[in-house]
Amino acid sequence: MNLDTLEKMCRALKCHPGDILKLGNNKKNGNHRKTQSKPE
């Protein structure tokens, strides 16, 4: 979602972004990315 859309939603609903969105922990949800180091 882009910020312009979020701003319009908040104006229409008379709320703040934190009322709509929740910051999640990707590791807790199993959506974390595994990174591999490059061989040197």
PDB file of N, CA and C in Angstrom:
ATOM      1  N   MET A   1       0.855  -1.156   0.000  1.00  0.00           N
ATOM      2  CA  MET A   1       0.000   0.000   0.000  1.00  0.00           C
ATOM      3  C   MET A   1       0.909   1.229   0.000  1.00  0.00           C
ATOM      4  N   ASN A   2       0.597   2.193  -0.838  1.00  0.00           N
ATOM      5  CA  ASN A   2       1.430   3.391  -0.825  1.00  0.00           C
ATOM      6  C   ASN A   2       0.926   4.374   0.231  1.00  0.00           C
ATOM      7  N   LEU A   3       1.748   5.335   0.558  1.00  0.00           N
ATOM      8  CA  LEU A   3       1.433   6.260   1.652  1.00  0.00           C
ATOM      9  C   LEU A   3       0.269   7.178   1.325  1.00  0.00           C
ATOM     10  N   ASP A   4       0.088   7.506   0.053  1.00  0.00           N
ATOM     11  CA  ASP A   4      -1.021   8.360  -0.343  1.00  0.00           C
ATOM     12  C   ASP A   4      -2.354   7.673  -0.047  1.00  0.00           C
ATOM     13  N   THR A   5      -2.431   6.394  -0.360  1.00  0.00           N
ATOM     14  CA  THR A   5      -3.638   5.615  -0.080  1.00  0.00           C
ATOM     15  C   THR A   5      -3.888   5.530   1.423  1.00  0.00           C
ATOM     16  N   LEU A   6      -2.843   5.301   2.177  1.00  0.00           N
ATOM     17  CA  LEU A   6      -2.973   5.228   3.631  1.00  0.00           C
ATOM     18  C   LEU A   6      -3.469   6.554   4.206  1.00  0.00           C
ATOM     19  N   GLU A   7      -2.921   7.643   3.694  1.00  0.00           N
ATOM     20  CA  GLU A   7      -3.344   8.970   4.165  1.00  0.00           C
ATOM     21  C   GLU A   7      -4.825   9.209   3.862  1.00  0.00           C
ATOM     22  N   LYS A   8      -5.278   8.851   2.683  1.00  0.00           N
ATOM     23  CA  LYS A   8      -6.687   9.030   2.317  1.00  0.00           C
ATOM     24  C   LYS A   8      -7.595   8.169   3.184  1.00  0.00           C
ATOM     25  N   MET A   9      -7.176   6.944   3.456  1.00  0.00           N
ATOM     26  CA  MET A   9      -7.968   6.067   4.318  1.00  0.00           C
ATOM     27  C   MET A   9      -8.095   6.649   5.716  1.00  0.00           C
ATOM     28  N   CYS A  10      -6.985   7.170   6.231  1.00  0.00           N
ATOM     29  CA  CYS A  10      -6.999   7.734   7.577  1.00  0.00           C
ATOM     30  C   CYS A  10      -7.889   8.972   7.654  1.00  0.00           C
ATOM     31  N   ARG A  11      -7.850   9.797   6.618  1.00  0.00           N
ATOM     32  CA  ARG A  11      -8.726  10.975   6.602  1.00  0.00           C
ATOM     33  C   ARG A  11     -10.190  10.553   6.583  1.00  0.00           C
ATOM     34  N   ALA A  12     -10.519   9.582   5.745  1.00  0.00           N
ATOM     35  CA  ALA A  12     -11.903   9.133   5.620  1.00  0.00           C
ATOM     36  C   ALA A  12     -12.401   8.488   6.911  1.00  0.00           C
ATOM     37  N   LEU A  13     -11.530   7.738   7.569  1.00  0.00           N
ATOM     38  CA  LEU A  13     -11.920   7.025   8.786  1.00  0.00           C
ATOM     39  C   LEU A  13     -11.667   7.813  10.063  1.00  0.00           C
ATOM     40  N   LYS A  14     -11.023   8.991   9.895  1.00  0.00           N
ATOM     41  CA  LYS A  14     -10.677   9.845  11.044  1.00  0.00           C
ATOM     42  C   LYS A  14      -9.885   9.052  12.082  1.00  0.00           C
ATOM     43  N   CYS A  15      -8.786   8.479  11.594  1.00  0.00           N
ATOM     44  CA  CYS A  15      -7.933   7.687  12.469  1.00  0.00           C
ATOM     45  C   CYS A  15      -6.472   7.942  12.130  1.00  0.00           C
ATOM     46  N   HIS A  16      -5.588   7.232  12.775  1.00  0.00           N
ATOM     47  CA  HIS A  16      -4.151   7.334  12.542  1.00  0.00           C
ATOM     48  C   HIS A  16      -3.660   6.032  11.902  1.00  0.00           C
ATOM     49  N   PRO A  17      -2.514   6.078  11.187  1.00  0.00           N
ATOM     50  CA  PRO A  17      -2.003   4.853  10.545  1.00  0.00           C
ATOM     51  C   PRO A  17      -1.844   3.679  11.511  1.00  0.00           C
ATOM     52  N   GLY A  18      -1.443   3.960  12.736  1.00  0.00           N
ATOM     53  CA  GLY A  18      -1.279   2.896  13.723  1.00  0.00           C
ATOM     54  C   GLY A  18      -2.585   2.234  14.116  1.00  0.00           C
ATOM     55  N   ASP A  19      -3.703   2.907  13.857  1.00  0.00           N
ATOM     56  CA  ASP A  19      -5.009   2.308  14.138  1.00  0.00           C
ATOM     57  C   ASP A  19      -5.379   1.262  13.088  1.00  0.00           C
ATOM     58  N   ILE A  20      -4.777   1.392  11.891  1.00  0.00           N
ATOM     59  CA  ILE A  20      -5.088   0.500  10.777  1.00  0.00           C
ATOM     60  C   ILE A  20      -4.027  -0.578  10.616  1.00  0.00           C
ATOM     61  N   LEU A  21      -2.762  -0.174  10.739  1.00  0.00           N
ATOM     62  CA  LEU A  21      -1.651  -1.082  10.487  1.00  0.00           C
ATOM     63  C   LEU A  21      -1.021  -1.564  11.779  1.00  0.00           C
ATOM     64  N   LYS A  22      -0.464  -2.761  11.713  1.00  0.00           N
ATOM     65  CA  LYS A  22       0.242  -3.320  12.852  1.00  0.00           C
ATOM     66  C   LYS A  22       1.607  -3.788  12.369  1.00  0.00           C
ATOM     67  N   LEU A  23       2.649  -3.407  13.052  1.00  0.00           N
ATOM     68  CA  LEU A  23       3.991  -3.838  12.710  1.00  0.00           C
ATOM     69  C   LEU A  23       4.166  -5.264  13.209  1.00  0.00           C
ATOM     70  N   GLY A  24       4.489  -6.148  12.291  1.00  0.00           N
ATOM     71  CA  GLY A  24       4.612  -7.554  12.655  1.00  0.00           C
ATOM     72  C   GLY A  24       6.059  -8.001  12.688  1.00  0.00           C
ATOM     73  N   ASN A  25       6.284  -9.110  13.332  1.00  0.00           N
ATOM     74  CA  ASN A  25       7.592  -9.730  13.390  1.00  0.00           C
ATOM     75  C   ASN A  25       7.589 -10.872  12.384  1.00  0.00           C
ATOM     76  N   ASN A  26       8.308 -10.708  11.268  1.00  0.00           N
ATOM     77  CA  ASN A  26       8.295 -11.715  10.215  1.00  0.00           C
ATOM     78  C   ASN A  26       8.778 -13.075  10.693  1.00  0.00           C
ATOM     79  N   LYS A  27       9.739 -13.111  11.593  1.00  0.00           N
ATOM     80  CA  LYS A  27      10.236 -14.393  12.088  1.00  0.00           C
ATOM     81  C   LYS A  27       9.145 -15.145  12.837  1.00  0.00           C
ATOM     82  N   LYS A  28       8.350 -14.429  13.604  1.00  0.00           N
ATOM     83  CA  LYS A  28       7.282 -15.047  14.375  1.00  0.00           C
ATOM     84  C   LYS A  28       6.237 -15.674  13.452  1.00  0.00           C
ATOM     85  N   ASN A  29       5.997 -15.042  12.300  1.00  0.00           N
ATOM     86  CA  ASN A  29       4.994 -15.527  11.361  1.00  0.00           C
ATOM     87  C   ASN A  29       5.551 -16.547  10.376  1.00  0.00           C
ATOM     88  N   GLY A  30       6.859 -16.817  10.437  1.00  0.00           N
ATOM     89  CA  GLY A  30       7.460 -17.782   9.540  1.00  0.00           C
ATOM     90  C   GLY A  30       7.755 -17.237   8.160  1.00  0.00           C
ATOM     91  N   ASN A  31       7.746 -15.927   7.991  1.00  0.00           N
ATOM     92  CA  ASN A  31       7.971 -15.323   6.685  1.00  0.00           C
ATOM     93  C   ASN A  31       9.363 -14.742   6.521  1.00  0.00           C
ATOM     94  N   HIS A  32      10.296 -15.119   7.356  1.00  0.00           N
ATOM     95  CA  HIS A  32      11.627 -14.524   7.273  1.00  0.00           C
ATOM     96  C   HIS A  32      12.410 -15.120   6.103  1.00  0.00           C
ATOM     97  N   ARG A  33      13.313 -14.316   5.577  1.00  0.00           N
ATOM     98  CA  ARG A  33      14.151 -14.756   4.463  1.00  0.00           C
ATOM     99  C   ARG A  33      15.475 -15.263   4.999  1.00  0.00           C
ATOM    100  N   LYS A  34      15.931 -16.334   4.436  1.00  0.00           N
ATOM    101  CA  LYS A  34      17.243 -16.851   4.801  1.00  0.00           C
ATOM    102  C   LYS A  34      18.249 -16.279   3.823  1.00  0.00           C
ATOM    103  N   THR A  35      19.333 -15.744   4.329  1.00  0.00           N
ATOM    104  CA  THR A  35      20.368 -15.202   3.465  1.00  0.00           C
ATOM    105  C   THR A  35      21.588 -16.100   3.530  1.00  0.00           C
ATOM    106  N   GLN A  36      22.261 -16.191   2.419  1.00  0.00           N
ATOM    107  CA  GLN A  36      23.475 -16.987   2.374  1.00  0.00           C
ATOM    108  C   GLN A  36      24.636 -16.050   2.080  1.00  0.00           C
ATOM    109  N   SER A  37      25.730 -16.268   2.774  1.00  0.00           N
ATOM    110  CA  SER A  37      26.900 -15.444   2.507  1.00  0.00           C
ATOM    111  C   SER A  37      27.580 -15.947   1.242  1.00  0.00           C
ATOM    112  N   LYS A  38      28.138 -14.990   0.504  1.00  0.00           N
ATOM    113  CA  LYS A  38      28.831 -15.338  -0.739  1.00  0.00           C
ATOM    114  C   LYS A  38      30.226 -15.825  -0.426  1.00  0.00           C
ATOM    115  N   PRO A  39      30.656 -16.868  -1.094  1.00  0.00           N
ATOM    116  CA  PRO A  39      32.039 -17.332  -0.873  1.00  0.00           C
ATOM    117  C   PRO A  39      33.038 -16.299  -1.398  1.00  0.00           C
ATOM    118  N   GLU A  40      34.116 -16.133  -0.672  1.00  0.00           N
ATOM    119  CA  GLU A  40      35.129 -15.146  -1.074  1.00  0.00           C
ATOM    120  C   GLU A  40      36.286 -15.785  -1.773  1.00  0.00           C
TER     121      GLU A  40
END
